[in-house]
Amino acid sequence: MTSVEFVFILHFMIEMLGIIDELCKALQYKSQDILNEVVELLVFSSALVPRDNYKDFRAEDICKLMNDFYLNDFTEQEKLHMKIQLDHFQLDAYQSTELQKASTIVELCQVLAKTNKSSIYPFLDRIIHLVPIERAFSAMKIMTTRLHNIMEDDFLSTYLVGHIEKEIAQEFSADSIIGEFYLMKKQRVQFRIPSIEKYD
């Protein structure tokens, strides 16, 4: 290798490392932005929790939650009606014994359906249905952030699917999955482990 080629390779490496450094910084900023969004989502969605006779129920935070995270789920007119609907709901929550019994978002959703108040407060009902979906993705993001430096990405992504869809994942055993692949007979690797008795 000549000295010109060597110098060219060094300059190329310096330029590539500079680009990689910029990409790493951009990814770090993006990761921090995602974490901030998750924290903000959890703070705003806690305003929906009806515990202690709706002590933490804040119409302003719910409207901010709707404007920041659910832009495409509500029209501008629905956003204007939401504040009025939330004020009416707060008055109704203090007077209704059924609504006062609810202490979680799930119980609130059930009470709204049972008392047919979900048709009276359709926007509140819609946002209550949207929040658990966001929280599921938030759980994935928080897990990813905490465990990112500890585990390999492949293992982590596999575990997260099981965490979110645990009811479905619990129905399958490792043997049933291996048996399914064995029946396909198109794989290159044999999944059946030979029994130990053959080697004795």
N, C-alpha and C. Protein backbone atom coordinates (compact mmCIF):
# COMPACT_ATOMS: atom_id res chain seq x y z
N MET A 1 0.85 -1.17 0.00
CA MET A 1 0.00 0.00 0.00
C MET A 1 0.90 1.24 0.00
N THR A 2 0.59 2.16 -0.87
CA THR A 2 1.40 3.38 -0.94
C THR A 2 0.94 4.37 0.11
N SER A 3 1.78 5.37 0.33
CA SER A 3 1.45 6.36 1.36
C SER A 3 0.23 7.20 0.95
N VAL A 4 0.03 7.40 -0.35
CA VAL A 4 -1.14 8.16 -0.81
C VAL A 4 -2.42 7.39 -0.50
N GLU A 5 -2.41 6.08 -0.74
CA GLU A 5 -3.58 5.27 -0.43
C GLU A 5 -3.84 5.26 1.07
N PHE A 6 -2.77 5.15 1.85
CA PHE A 6 -2.90 5.13 3.30
C PHE A 6 -3.52 6.44 3.81
N VAL A 7 -3.03 7.56 3.31
CA VAL A 7 -3.57 8.87 3.71
C VAL A 7 -5.02 9.00 3.28
N PHE A 8 -5.34 8.52 2.08
CA PHE A 8 -6.72 8.56 1.60
C PHE A 8 -7.63 7.76 2.52
N ILE A 9 -7.18 6.56 2.92
CA ILE A 9 -7.97 5.71 3.82
C ILE A 9 -8.16 6.39 5.16
N LEU A 10 -7.11 7.03 5.69
CA LEU A 10 -7.22 7.74 6.97
C LEU A 10 -8.23 8.88 6.89
N HIS A 11 -8.17 9.67 5.82
CA HIS A 11 -9.14 10.76 5.65
C HIS A 11 -10.56 10.23 5.53
N PHE A 12 -10.70 9.12 4.80
CA PHE A 12 -12.01 8.50 4.65
C PHE A 12 -12.54 8.03 6.01
N MET A 13 -11.67 7.41 6.82
CA MET A 13 -12.08 6.94 8.14
C MET A 13 -12.47 8.10 9.05
N ILE A 14 -11.70 9.19 9.01
CA ILE A 14 -12.03 10.36 9.83
C ILE A 14 -13.39 10.92 9.44
N GLU A 15 -13.64 11.00 8.14
CA GLU A 15 -14.93 11.51 7.68
C GLU A 15 -16.08 10.59 8.10
N MET A 16 -15.88 9.29 7.96
CA MET A 16 -16.91 8.33 8.35
C MET A 16 -17.18 8.38 9.85
N LEU A 17 -16.12 8.47 10.66
CA LEU A 17 -16.31 8.55 12.11
C LEU A 17 -17.04 9.83 12.51
N GLY A 18 -16.79 10.91 11.79
CA GLY A 18 -17.51 12.16 12.05
C GLY A 18 -19.00 12.01 11.76
N ILE A 19 -19.32 11.35 10.66
CA ILE A 19 -20.73 11.12 10.31
C ILE A 19 -21.39 10.20 11.34
N ILE A 20 -20.68 9.14 11.74
CA ILE A 20 -21.21 8.21 12.74
C ILE A 20 -21.45 8.93 14.06
N ASP A 21 -20.53 9.82 14.44
CA ASP A 21 -20.69 10.59 15.68
C ASP A 21 -21.94 11.46 15.62
N GLU A 22 -22.17 12.11 14.49
CA GLU A 22 -23.38 12.95 14.35
C GLU A 22 -24.65 12.10 14.42
N LEU A 23 -24.62 10.92 13.80
CA LEU A 23 -25.79 10.03 13.86
C LEU A 23 -26.05 9.56 15.29
N CYS A 24 -24.98 9.24 16.02
CA CYS A 24 -25.15 8.81 17.42
C CYS A 24 -25.76 9.93 18.27
N LYS A 25 -25.30 11.15 18.06
CA LYS A 25 -25.86 12.29 18.80
C LYS A 25 -27.34 12.48 18.47
N ALA A 26 -27.67 12.35 17.19
CA ALA A 26 -29.07 12.51 16.78
C ALA A 26 -29.94 11.42 17.41
N LEU A 27 -29.44 10.19 17.47
CA LEU A 27 -30.19 9.11 18.10
C LEU A 27 -30.36 9.33 19.59
N GLN A 28 -29.33 9.85 20.25
CA GLN A 28 -29.44 10.14 21.68
C GLN A 28 -30.50 11.22 21.93
N TYR A 29 -30.50 12.26 21.11
CA TYR A 29 -31.51 13.31 21.27
C TYR A 29 -32.91 12.76 21.03
N LYS A 30 -33.04 11.92 20.02
CA LYS A 30 -34.34 11.32 19.71
C LYS A 30 -34.81 10.42 20.85
N SER A 31 -33.88 9.66 21.42
CA SER A 31 -34.22 8.80 22.55
C SER A 31 -34.68 9.62 23.75
N GLN A 32 -34.01 10.73 24.00
CA GLN A 32 -34.41 11.61 25.11
C GLN A 32 -35.77 12.24 24.83
N ASP A 33 -36.02 12.61 23.59
CA ASP A 33 -37.33 13.17 23.23
C ASP A 33 -38.44 12.16 23.47
N ILE A 34 -38.19 10.90 23.11
CA ILE A 34 -39.19 9.85 23.32
C ILE A 34 -39.46 9.67 24.80
N LEU A 35 -38.41 9.66 25.60
CA LEU A 35 -38.57 9.51 27.05
C LEU A 35 -39.37 10.67 27.63
N ASN A 36 -39.09 11.89 27.18
CA ASN A 36 -39.84 13.05 27.65
C ASN A 36 -41.31 12.96 27.26
N GLU A 37 -41.58 12.48 26.04
CA GLU A 37 -42.97 12.31 25.59
C GLU A 37 -43.70 11.28 26.45
N VAL A 38 -43.02 10.20 26.79
CA VAL A 38 -43.63 9.15 27.60
C VAL A 38 -43.98 9.68 28.98
N VAL A 39 -43.05 10.40 29.58
CA VAL A 39 -43.31 10.97 30.91
C VAL A 39 -44.47 11.94 30.85
N GLU A 40 -44.49 12.78 29.82
CA GLU A 40 -45.59 13.74 29.67
C GLU A 40 -46.92 13.02 29.48
N LEU A 41 -46.92 11.95 28.69
CA LEU A 41 -48.14 11.17 28.48
C LEU A 41 -48.64 10.59 29.79
N LEU A 42 -47.75 10.03 30.58
CA LEU A 42 -48.16 9.43 31.85
C LEU A 42 -48.69 10.48 32.82
N VAL A 43 -48.08 11.66 32.85
CA VAL A 43 -48.56 12.73 33.73
C VAL A 43 -49.95 13.18 33.31
N PHE A 44 -50.14 13.41 32.02
CA PHE A 44 -51.45 13.88 31.56
C PHE A 44 -52.52 12.80 31.69
N SER A 45 -52.15 11.55 31.40
CA SER A 45 -53.16 10.49 31.49
C SER A 45 -53.53 10.19 32.93
N SER A 46 -52.69 10.56 33.89
CA SER A 46 -53.06 10.37 35.30
C SER A 46 -54.21 11.29 35.69
N ALA A 47 -54.45 12.33 34.90
CA ALA A 47 -55.58 13.22 35.17
C ALA A 47 -56.92 12.52 34.93
N LEU A 48 -56.91 11.41 34.23
CA LEU A 48 -58.15 10.66 33.96
C LEU A 48 -58.51 9.69 35.09
N VAL A 49 -57.57 9.40 35.97
CA VAL A 49 -57.81 8.39 37.01
C VAL A 49 -58.80 8.95 38.03
N PRO A 50 -59.90 8.22 38.28
CA PRO A 50 -60.97 8.75 39.13
C PRO A 50 -60.80 8.47 40.63
N ARG A 51 -59.61 8.20 41.10
CA ARG A 51 -59.44 7.82 42.51
C ARG A 51 -59.70 9.02 43.44
N ASP A 52 -60.10 8.70 44.68
CA ASP A 52 -60.41 9.69 45.72
C ASP A 52 -61.45 10.71 45.25
N ASN A 53 -62.55 10.21 44.73
CA ASN A 53 -63.65 11.07 44.25
C ASN A 53 -63.17 12.12 43.24
N TYR A 54 -62.37 11.67 42.29
CA TYR A 54 -61.92 12.51 41.17
C TYR A 54 -61.07 13.69 41.65
N LYS A 55 -60.28 13.48 42.69
CA LYS A 55 -59.43 14.54 43.22
C LYS A 55 -58.39 14.98 42.18
N ASP A 56 -57.83 14.02 41.43
CA ASP A 56 -56.80 14.34 40.44
C ASP A 56 -57.37 14.59 39.04
N PHE A 57 -58.68 14.57 38.91
CA PHE A 57 -59.32 14.76 37.60
C PHE A 57 -59.18 16.23 37.21
N ARG A 58 -58.37 16.50 36.17
CA ARG A 58 -58.10 17.88 35.75
C ARG A 58 -58.48 18.03 34.27
N ALA A 59 -59.48 18.83 34.02
CA ALA A 59 -59.97 19.02 32.65
C ALA A 59 -58.89 19.64 31.76
N GLU A 60 -58.10 20.56 32.30
CA GLU A 60 -57.06 21.22 31.50
C GLU A 60 -56.01 20.21 31.01
N ASP A 61 -55.61 19.31 31.92
CA ASP A 61 -54.61 18.31 31.53
C ASP A 61 -55.17 17.32 30.51
N ILE A 62 -56.45 16.99 30.65
CA ILE A 62 -57.06 16.07 29.68
C ILE A 62 -57.14 16.73 28.31
N CYS A 63 -57.48 18.01 28.28
CA CYS A 63 -57.51 18.74 27.00
C CYS A 63 -56.11 18.84 26.40
N LYS A 64 -55.11 19.06 27.26
CA LYS A 64 -53.73 19.12 26.77
C LYS A 64 -53.29 17.74 26.25
N LEU A 65 -53.70 16.69 26.95
CA LEU A 65 -53.42 15.32 26.50
C LEU A 65 -54.01 15.09 25.11
N MET A 66 -55.24 15.53 24.93
CA MET A 66 -55.92 15.36 23.65
C MET A 66 -55.23 16.17 22.55
N ASN A 67 -54.82 17.39 22.86
CA ASN A 67 -54.19 18.24 21.85
C ASN A 67 -52.77 17.79 21.51
N ASP A 68 -52.05 17.27 22.50
CA ASP A 68 -50.65 16.89 22.26
C ASP A 68 -50.49 15.49 21.66
N PHE A 69 -51.34 14.55 22.09
CA PHE A 69 -51.11 13.16 21.71
C PHE A 69 -52.16 12.59 20.75
N TYR A 70 -53.32 13.18 20.68
CA TYR A 70 -54.40 12.61 19.87
C TYR A 70 -54.92 13.61 18.84
N LEU A 71 -54.01 14.24 18.12
CA LEU A 71 -54.38 15.26 17.15
C LEU A 71 -55.29 14.70 16.06
N ASN A 72 -55.01 13.50 15.60
CA ASN A 72 -55.76 12.93 14.48
C ASN A 72 -57.04 12.23 14.91
N ASP A 73 -57.24 12.06 16.22
CA ASP A 73 -58.41 11.34 16.71
C ASP A 73 -59.60 12.26 16.99
N PHE A 74 -59.36 13.55 17.04
CA PHE A 74 -60.42 14.51 17.34
C PHE A 74 -60.37 15.66 16.34
N THR A 75 -61.55 16.11 15.91
CA THR A 75 -61.61 17.28 15.04
C THR A 75 -61.49 18.53 15.90
N GLU A 76 -61.31 19.67 15.25
CA GLU A 76 -61.20 20.93 15.99
C GLU A 76 -62.48 21.23 16.77
N GLN A 77 -63.61 20.93 16.16
CA GLN A 77 -64.89 21.17 16.84
C GLN A 77 -65.04 20.26 18.07
N GLU A 78 -64.61 19.01 17.94
CA GLU A 78 -64.67 18.09 19.08
C GLU A 78 -63.76 18.54 20.21
N LYS A 79 -62.61 19.11 19.85
CA LYS A 79 -61.70 19.63 20.88
C LYS A 79 -62.34 20.78 21.65
N LEU A 80 -63.09 21.61 20.96
CA LEU A 80 -63.77 22.72 21.64
C LEU A 80 -64.87 22.20 22.57
N HIS A 81 -65.58 21.18 22.13
CA HIS A 81 -66.67 20.61 22.95
C HIS A 81 -66.14 19.79 24.12
N MET A 82 -64.92 19.31 24.01
CA MET A 82 -64.36 18.45 25.06
C MET A 82 -64.28 19.17 26.40
N LYS A 83 -63.82 20.40 26.40
CA LYS A 83 -63.70 21.15 27.67
C LYS A 83 -65.06 21.30 28.34
N ILE A 84 -66.08 21.62 27.57
CA ILE A 84 -67.43 21.77 28.12
C ILE A 84 -67.92 20.42 28.63
N GLN A 85 -67.67 19.38 27.86
CA GLN A 85 -68.10 18.04 28.26
C GLN A 85 -67.40 17.60 29.55
N LEU A 86 -66.13 17.93 29.69
CA LEU A 86 -65.39 17.57 30.91
C LEU A 86 -65.92 18.33 32.13
N ASP A 87 -66.28 19.59 31.94
CA ASP A 87 -66.85 20.36 33.05
C ASP A 87 -68.18 19.75 33.50
N HIS A 88 -69.01 19.37 32.55
CA HIS A 88 -70.28 18.71 32.88
C HIS A 88 -70.03 17.37 33.57
N PHE A 89 -69.04 16.64 33.08
CA PHE A 89 -68.73 15.34 33.68
C PHE A 89 -68.28 15.50 35.13
N GLN A 90 -67.47 16.53 35.41
CA GLN A 90 -67.01 16.73 36.79
C GLN A 90 -68.19 16.98 37.72
N LEU A 91 -69.14 17.78 37.28
CA LEU A 91 -70.34 18.02 38.10
C LEU A 91 -71.12 16.73 38.29
N ASP A 92 -71.25 15.97 37.21
CA ASP A 92 -71.98 14.70 37.27
C ASP A 92 -71.26 13.69 38.17
N ALA A 93 -69.93 13.69 38.14
CA ALA A 93 -69.15 12.74 38.94
C ALA A 93 -69.33 12.99 40.44
N TYR A 94 -69.48 14.23 40.83
CA TYR A 94 -69.67 14.54 42.25
C TYR A 94 -71.07 14.17 42.73
N GLN A 95 -72.04 14.09 41.81
CA GLN A 95 -73.42 13.80 42.19
C GLN A 95 -73.79 12.32 42.01
N SER A 96 -73.14 11.62 41.11
CA SER A 96 -73.50 10.24 40.79
C SER A 96 -72.77 9.26 41.71
N THR A 97 -73.53 8.41 42.38
CA THR A 97 -72.90 7.42 43.27
C THR A 97 -72.17 6.34 42.48
N GLU A 98 -72.67 6.00 41.29
CA GLU A 98 -72.00 5.00 40.47
C GLU A 98 -70.62 5.49 40.03
N LEU A 99 -70.55 6.75 39.61
CA LEU A 99 -69.27 7.30 39.17
C LEU A 99 -68.30 7.46 40.34
N GLN A 100 -68.81 7.72 41.53
CA GLN A 100 -67.93 7.89 42.69
C GLN A 100 -67.31 6.57 43.12
N LYS A 101 -67.93 5.45 42.79
CA LYS A 101 -67.39 4.14 43.16
C LYS A 101 -66.18 3.77 42.31
N ALA A 102 -66.05 4.33 41.13
CA ALA A 102 -64.94 3.99 40.24
C ALA A 102 -63.63 4.54 40.79
N SER A 103 -62.58 3.70 40.76
CA SER A 103 -61.29 4.15 41.26
C SER A 103 -60.16 3.97 40.24
N THR A 104 -60.45 3.29 39.14
CA THR A 104 -59.46 3.11 38.07
C THR A 104 -60.09 3.52 36.74
N ILE A 105 -59.25 3.64 35.74
CA ILE A 105 -59.75 4.00 34.41
C ILE A 105 -60.65 2.89 33.87
N VAL A 106 -60.30 1.64 34.15
CA VAL A 106 -61.10 0.51 33.68
C VAL A 106 -62.49 0.55 34.32
N GLU A 107 -62.54 0.78 35.63
CA GLU A 107 -63.83 0.86 36.32
C GLU A 107 -64.65 2.05 35.81
N LEU A 108 -63.98 3.17 35.56
CA LEU A 108 -64.68 4.33 35.02
C LEU A 108 -65.29 4.01 33.66
N CYS A 109 -64.54 3.33 32.83
CA CYS A 109 -65.04 2.93 31.51
C CYS A 109 -66.25 2.00 31.64
N GLN A 110 -66.18 1.07 32.58
CA GLN A 110 -67.30 0.14 32.80
C GLN A 110 -68.53 0.87 33.32
N VAL A 111 -68.34 1.81 34.23
CA VAL A 111 -69.48 2.57 34.77
C VAL A 111 -70.11 3.42 33.69
N LEU A 112 -69.28 4.05 32.85
CA LEU A 112 -69.82 4.86 31.76
C LEU A 112 -70.67 4.01 30.81
N ALA A 113 -70.21 2.79 30.53
CA ALA A 113 -70.96 1.91 29.64
C ALA A 113 -72.24 1.42 30.32
N LYS A 114 -72.14 1.03 31.59
CA LYS A 114 -73.28 0.47 32.31
C LYS A 114 -74.38 1.52 32.51
N THR A 115 -74.01 2.74 32.82
CA THR A 115 -75.00 3.79 33.07
C THR A 115 -75.39 4.54 31.80
N ASN A 116 -74.83 4.11 30.66
CA ASN A 116 -75.10 4.73 29.36
C ASN A 116 -74.63 6.19 29.31
N LYS A 117 -73.68 6.54 30.17
CA LYS A 117 -73.12 7.90 30.14
C LYS A 117 -72.04 8.02 29.06
N SER A 118 -71.65 6.89 28.48
CA SER A 118 -70.68 6.96 27.39
C SER A 118 -71.28 7.64 26.16
N SER A 119 -72.61 7.59 26.04
CA SER A 119 -73.26 8.32 24.94
C SER A 119 -73.45 9.79 25.29
N ILE A 120 -73.49 10.10 26.59
CA ILE A 120 -73.59 11.50 27.01
C ILE A 120 -72.24 12.19 26.90
N TYR A 121 -71.17 11.44 27.22
CA TYR A 121 -69.80 11.97 27.17
C TYR A 121 -68.97 11.17 26.16
N PRO A 122 -69.28 11.29 24.87
CA PRO A 122 -68.60 10.43 23.88
C PRO A 122 -67.10 10.75 23.73
N PHE A 123 -66.71 12.01 23.88
CA PHE A 123 -65.31 12.36 23.70
C PHE A 123 -64.47 11.86 24.88
N LEU A 124 -65.02 11.96 26.07
CA LEU A 124 -64.34 11.42 27.24
C LEU A 124 -64.20 9.91 27.11
N ASP A 125 -65.26 9.26 26.66
CA ASP A 125 -65.21 7.81 26.46
C ASP A 125 -64.15 7.44 25.43
N ARG A 126 -64.05 8.21 24.37
CA ARG A 126 -63.07 7.92 23.33
C ARG A 126 -61.64 8.07 23.86
N ILE A 127 -61.39 9.13 24.62
CA ILE A 127 -60.03 9.34 25.13
C ILE A 127 -59.68 8.29 26.19
N ILE A 128 -60.68 7.83 26.95
CA ILE A 128 -60.43 6.77 27.93
C ILE A 128 -60.04 5.48 27.21
N HIS A 129 -60.62 5.24 26.04
CA HIS A 129 -60.26 4.04 25.28
C HIS A 129 -58.89 4.18 24.62
N LEU A 130 -58.47 5.40 24.31
CA LEU A 130 -57.19 5.60 23.65
C LEU A 130 -56.00 5.54 24.61
N VAL A 131 -56.19 5.96 25.85
CA VAL A 131 -55.07 6.05 26.80
C VAL A 131 -54.41 4.70 27.08
N PRO A 132 -55.15 3.61 27.33
CA PRO A 132 -54.45 2.34 27.60
C PRO A 132 -53.57 1.87 26.45
N ILE A 133 -53.95 2.18 25.23
CA ILE A 133 -53.13 1.81 24.08
C ILE A 133 -51.80 2.54 24.14
N GLU A 134 -51.87 3.84 24.42
CA GLU A 134 -50.64 4.62 24.54
C GLU A 134 -49.80 4.12 25.71
N ARG A 135 -50.45 3.75 26.82
CA ARG A 135 -49.70 3.28 27.98
C ARG A 135 -48.99 1.97 27.69
N ALA A 136 -49.60 1.13 26.86
CA ALA A 136 -48.93 -0.13 26.50
C ALA A 136 -47.64 0.17 25.75
N PHE A 137 -47.69 1.12 24.80
CA PHE A 137 -46.48 1.48 24.10
C PHE A 137 -45.51 2.20 25.02
N SER A 138 -46.02 2.95 26.00
CA SER A 138 -45.15 3.60 26.97
C SER A 138 -44.40 2.57 27.78
N ALA A 139 -45.08 1.50 28.17
CA ALA A 139 -44.42 0.44 28.93
C ALA A 139 -43.28 -0.15 28.11
N MET A 140 -43.51 -0.32 26.81
CA MET A 140 -42.45 -0.84 25.96
C MET A 140 -41.28 0.12 25.92
N LYS A 141 -41.55 1.43 25.77
CA LYS A 141 -40.47 2.40 25.66
C LYS A 141 -39.69 2.51 26.97
N ILE A 142 -40.38 2.48 28.10
CA ILE A 142 -39.70 2.56 29.38
C ILE A 142 -38.82 1.34 29.59
N MET A 143 -39.35 0.16 29.28
CA MET A 143 -38.55 -1.06 29.39
C MET A 143 -37.33 -0.99 28.50
N THR A 144 -37.51 -0.52 27.29
CA THR A 144 -36.40 -0.43 26.36
C THR A 144 -35.33 0.51 26.90
N THR A 145 -35.75 1.65 27.45
CA THR A 145 -34.79 2.62 27.97
C THR A 145 -34.01 2.05 29.14
N ARG A 146 -34.68 1.41 30.07
CA ARG A 146 -34.01 0.89 31.27
C ARG A 146 -33.08 -0.26 30.95
N LEU A 147 -33.51 -1.14 30.07
CA LEU A 147 -32.76 -2.37 29.84
C LEU A 147 -31.84 -2.32 28.63
N HIS A 148 -31.81 -1.18 27.96
CA HIS A 148 -31.07 -1.08 26.70
C HIS A 148 -29.61 -1.46 26.87
N ASN A 149 -28.97 -1.01 27.93
CA ASN A 149 -27.56 -1.29 28.11
C ASN A 149 -27.29 -2.66 28.71
N ILE A 150 -28.31 -3.33 29.21
CA ILE A 150 -28.11 -4.60 29.89
C ILE A 150 -28.28 -5.78 28.94
N MET A 151 -29.26 -5.72 28.06
CA MET A 151 -29.60 -6.88 27.24
C MET A 151 -29.36 -6.62 25.76
N GLU A 152 -29.29 -7.69 25.02
CA GLU A 152 -29.20 -7.57 23.57
C GLU A 152 -30.55 -7.14 23.02
N ASP A 153 -30.53 -6.43 21.91
CA ASP A 153 -31.76 -5.91 21.32
C ASP A 153 -32.70 -7.02 20.87
N ASP A 154 -32.17 -8.11 20.32
CA ASP A 154 -33.03 -9.19 19.85
C ASP A 154 -33.83 -9.80 20.99
N PHE A 155 -33.15 -10.05 22.11
CA PHE A 155 -33.83 -10.63 23.26
C PHE A 155 -34.88 -9.67 23.80
N LEU A 156 -34.54 -8.39 23.85
CA LEU A 156 -35.45 -7.39 24.39
C LEU A 156 -36.71 -7.26 23.54
N SER A 157 -36.56 -7.21 22.23
CA SER A 157 -37.74 -7.09 21.37
C SER A 157 -38.62 -8.32 21.48
N THR A 158 -38.02 -9.49 21.62
CA THR A 158 -38.78 -10.72 21.80
C THR A 158 -39.55 -10.68 23.11
N TYR A 159 -38.92 -10.20 24.16
CA TYR A 159 -39.56 -10.15 25.47
C TYR A 159 -40.71 -9.15 25.47
N LEU A 160 -40.55 -8.02 24.77
CA LEU A 160 -41.59 -6.99 24.78
C LEU A 160 -42.87 -7.48 24.13
N VAL A 161 -42.75 -8.25 23.06
CA VAL A 161 -43.95 -8.80 22.44
C VAL A 161 -44.69 -9.68 23.44
N GLY A 162 -43.93 -10.49 24.16
CA GLY A 162 -44.54 -11.34 25.19
C GLY A 162 -45.15 -10.53 26.32
N HIS A 163 -44.55 -9.39 26.66
CA HIS A 163 -45.07 -8.56 27.74
C HIS A 163 -46.41 -7.94 27.36
N ILE A 164 -46.53 -7.46 26.16
CA ILE A 164 -47.75 -6.79 25.74
C ILE A 164 -48.84 -7.81 25.43
N GLU A 165 -48.49 -8.90 24.82
CA GLU A 165 -49.47 -9.89 24.41
C GLU A 165 -49.33 -11.16 25.25
N LYS A 166 -49.23 -11.00 26.58
CA LYS A 166 -48.95 -12.17 27.43
C LYS A 166 -50.05 -13.21 27.39
N GLU A 167 -51.29 -12.78 27.27
CA GLU A 167 -52.38 -13.77 27.25
C GLU A 167 -52.24 -14.69 26.04
N ILE A 168 -51.87 -14.11 24.91
CA ILE A 168 -51.70 -14.92 23.70
C ILE A 168 -50.45 -15.77 23.82
N ALA A 169 -49.37 -15.19 24.32
CA ALA A 169 -48.10 -15.91 24.41
C ALA A 169 -48.16 -17.07 25.39
N GLN A 170 -48.99 -16.98 26.42
CA GLN A 170 -49.08 -18.04 27.42
C GLN A 170 -49.77 -19.29 26.87
N GLU A 171 -50.51 -19.16 25.79
CA GLU A 171 -51.22 -20.30 25.22
C GLU A 171 -50.28 -21.26 24.48
N PHE A 172 -49.08 -20.81 24.13
CA PHE A 172 -48.16 -21.62 23.36
C PHE A 172 -47.00 -22.07 24.22
N SER A 173 -46.63 -23.33 24.06
CA SER A 173 -45.43 -23.83 24.73
C SER A 173 -44.30 -23.91 23.71
N ALA A 174 -43.09 -24.02 24.21
CA ALA A 174 -41.93 -24.12 23.31
C ALA A 174 -42.03 -25.38 22.47
N ASP A 175 -42.52 -26.47 23.07
CA ASP A 175 -42.65 -27.72 22.32
C ASP A 175 -43.66 -27.61 21.19
N SER A 176 -44.76 -26.90 21.42
CA SER A 176 -45.76 -26.75 20.35
C SER A 176 -45.22 -25.92 19.19
N ILE A 177 -44.42 -24.90 19.50
CA ILE A 177 -43.83 -24.07 18.44
C ILE A 177 -42.81 -24.88 17.65
N ILE A 178 -41.96 -25.63 18.37
CA ILE A 178 -40.97 -26.46 17.69
C ILE A 178 -41.67 -27.53 16.85
N GLY A 179 -42.74 -28.11 17.39
CA GLY A 179 -43.50 -29.10 16.64
C GLY A 179 -44.10 -28.53 15.37
N GLU A 180 -44.57 -27.29 15.44
CA GLU A 180 -45.14 -26.63 14.26
C GLU A 180 -44.07 -26.45 13.18
N PHE A 181 -42.88 -26.00 13.57
CA PHE A 181 -41.79 -25.86 12.62
C PHE A 181 -41.36 -27.23 12.06
N TYR A 182 -41.39 -28.23 12.90
CA TYR A 182 -41.00 -29.57 12.47
C TYR A 182 -41.95 -30.10 11.41
N LEU A 183 -43.24 -29.79 11.55
CA LEU A 183 -44.22 -30.24 10.57
C LEU A 183 -44.08 -29.52 9.23
N MET A 184 -43.54 -28.31 9.25
CA MET A 184 -43.37 -27.57 8.00
C MET A 184 -42.31 -28.21 7.11
N LYS A 185 -41.28 -28.80 7.67
CA LYS A 185 -40.21 -29.53 7.00
C LYS A 185 -39.52 -28.72 5.91
N LYS A 186 -39.56 -27.41 5.99
CA LYS A 186 -38.85 -26.59 5.01
C LYS A 186 -37.63 -25.92 5.63
N GLN A 187 -37.43 -26.11 6.91
CA GLN A 187 -36.29 -25.48 7.57
C GLN A 187 -35.01 -26.25 7.27
N ARG A 188 -33.91 -25.57 7.43
CA ARG A 188 -32.62 -26.20 7.17
C ARG A 188 -32.05 -26.84 8.43
N VAL A 189 -32.48 -26.38 9.58
CA VAL A 189 -31.95 -26.89 10.85
C VAL A 189 -32.99 -27.80 11.48
N GLN A 190 -32.56 -28.92 11.98
CA GLN A 190 -33.46 -29.85 12.65
C GLN A 190 -33.71 -29.35 14.07
N PHE A 191 -34.97 -29.16 14.45
CA PHE A 191 -35.30 -28.64 15.76
C PHE A 191 -35.40 -29.72 16.82
N ARG A 192 -35.63 -30.94 16.43
CA ARG A 192 -35.75 -32.02 17.41
C ARG A 192 -34.37 -32.33 17.98
N ILE A 193 -34.28 -32.35 19.29
CA ILE A 193 -33.03 -32.70 19.94
C ILE A 193 -32.99 -34.21 20.10
N PRO A 194 -31.91 -34.86 19.63
CA PRO A 194 -31.84 -36.31 19.78
C PRO A 194 -31.84 -36.68 21.26
N SER A 195 -32.47 -37.77 21.58
CA SER A 195 -32.54 -38.17 22.98
C SER A 195 -31.17 -38.60 23.48
N ILE A 196 -30.95 -38.47 24.76
CA ILE A 196 -29.67 -38.80 25.38
C ILE A 196 -29.41 -40.30 25.33
N GLU A 197 -30.47 -41.09 25.30
CA GLU A 197 -30.33 -42.54 25.31
C GLU A 197 -29.53 -43.04 24.11
N LYS A 198 -29.59 -42.35 22.98
CA LYS A 198 -28.86 -42.79 21.79
C LYS A 198 -27.35 -42.74 22.01
N TYR A 199 -26.91 -41.82 22.87
CA TYR A 199 -25.49 -41.64 23.08
C TYR A 199 -24.94 -42.51 24.20
N ASP A 200 -25.79 -43.17 24.96
CA ASP A 200 -25.33 -44.01 26.07
C ASP A 200 -24.83 -45.35 25.60
